[in-house]
């Protein structure tokens, strides 16, 4: 059984409560402390009624404010001594009406209050001097501006909250996208190899089943190990797409290692061809985001060649690192049996989205029985690249 959380209730309308409290405090001090002469009992009743209506402005800001304006307009002439105490409530009503309505209504109310003050100055001798009339008109203008500012600030806060919510959703989608790519990268090769061993068993039954089952068991064990590692990372809230063995390597080393691993995988299954790696900028460039993405790209390329390529044909992969970009161009002969599924799967689509989000391009096509692809990934100090990279870094939001 969990204990009930304790805490103060949050004020739903803090601005309204603040102005009601401040102007009510000034009003009460003026009535009970600074009043000279003290108002008669009948006037005090009307003054306290005005105070009750002002408190009601918290729940009914526009209606109660209109009642305050009407009571003050009538009471100033009908109730002896009433007008000398209620100027604070006039200012309060102008603020609240301006705050909770539109700019047009606020401007109209200001014009009405200016006209009322000017007429009172001319009709009621001794009520206002010219300076006092001007000062009141300016105070009404300030109250209108304050009210409209509060309304704008509320709208801005709502937009900021929506922006934060949308940003959290975008980060969650990016995290899911990375997770999908990581799952595809970790499991697709092993599953493709298992399927290929089964297909080769049906096509060539002369080879020993023991050897084939040994390979299938090895591939299944690798897939299970990858899946277990992913589950442990998710449980520890430390999901990372960057492979631990390539995090701290320079980009050139990652390209060479992935090229050798890909060639070894394809050559084991009868493919002919190779990978050429050219490092044009011999610099010790380290970038964990780029390393992880390059690893995903290479796995996707070699896995697709393995699944859809013609083992009797050739493949060619060319990788090049320059001062600002990593270029990967690959092509392979397409197996006739794989023609129906060569249009690009979820792995290619997810990877293409990731590359685009990092500021790169990924294009591919099939022509004359040959599958061709091109990857161009920016690296280095470009500001737009770093900004895109920062947005798509590992997210802990959600």
Foldseek 3Di string as FASTA:
>chain_A
DDDDDDDDDDQPDVVLVVLLVVLLVQLVCCQPPVDVVHFDPVLVVLSVVLNVLSVVCSVVVQVSLVVNVVCQVVCVPVPPPNNVRCPSSPLSSLLSNLQPDDLVVSVVVLVVVLVVLVVCPVPPPPPADPVRSVVSSVSSVVSNVNSPVNNVVVVVVVVVVVVVVVLLVVLVVLQVLLVVLLLCLQQLQLVLLLVVLVVVCVVPVPDDPVVSVVSNVVSVVSSVVSVVVQVVCVVVLNDDLQDPVQQFAAPQVLVVVLQVVLVVVLVVVQEDEGEAEEEADPDRHHDRLVSSLVSSVSSVVSSLCSNFADSVWHKYWYWYHDQWKIKIKIKGFGDPVNPVPNPDDPNVVSSQVVQVLLVWGKDWDDDPRMTIIMIIHTDDDDPVNVVSCVSSHNDSRD
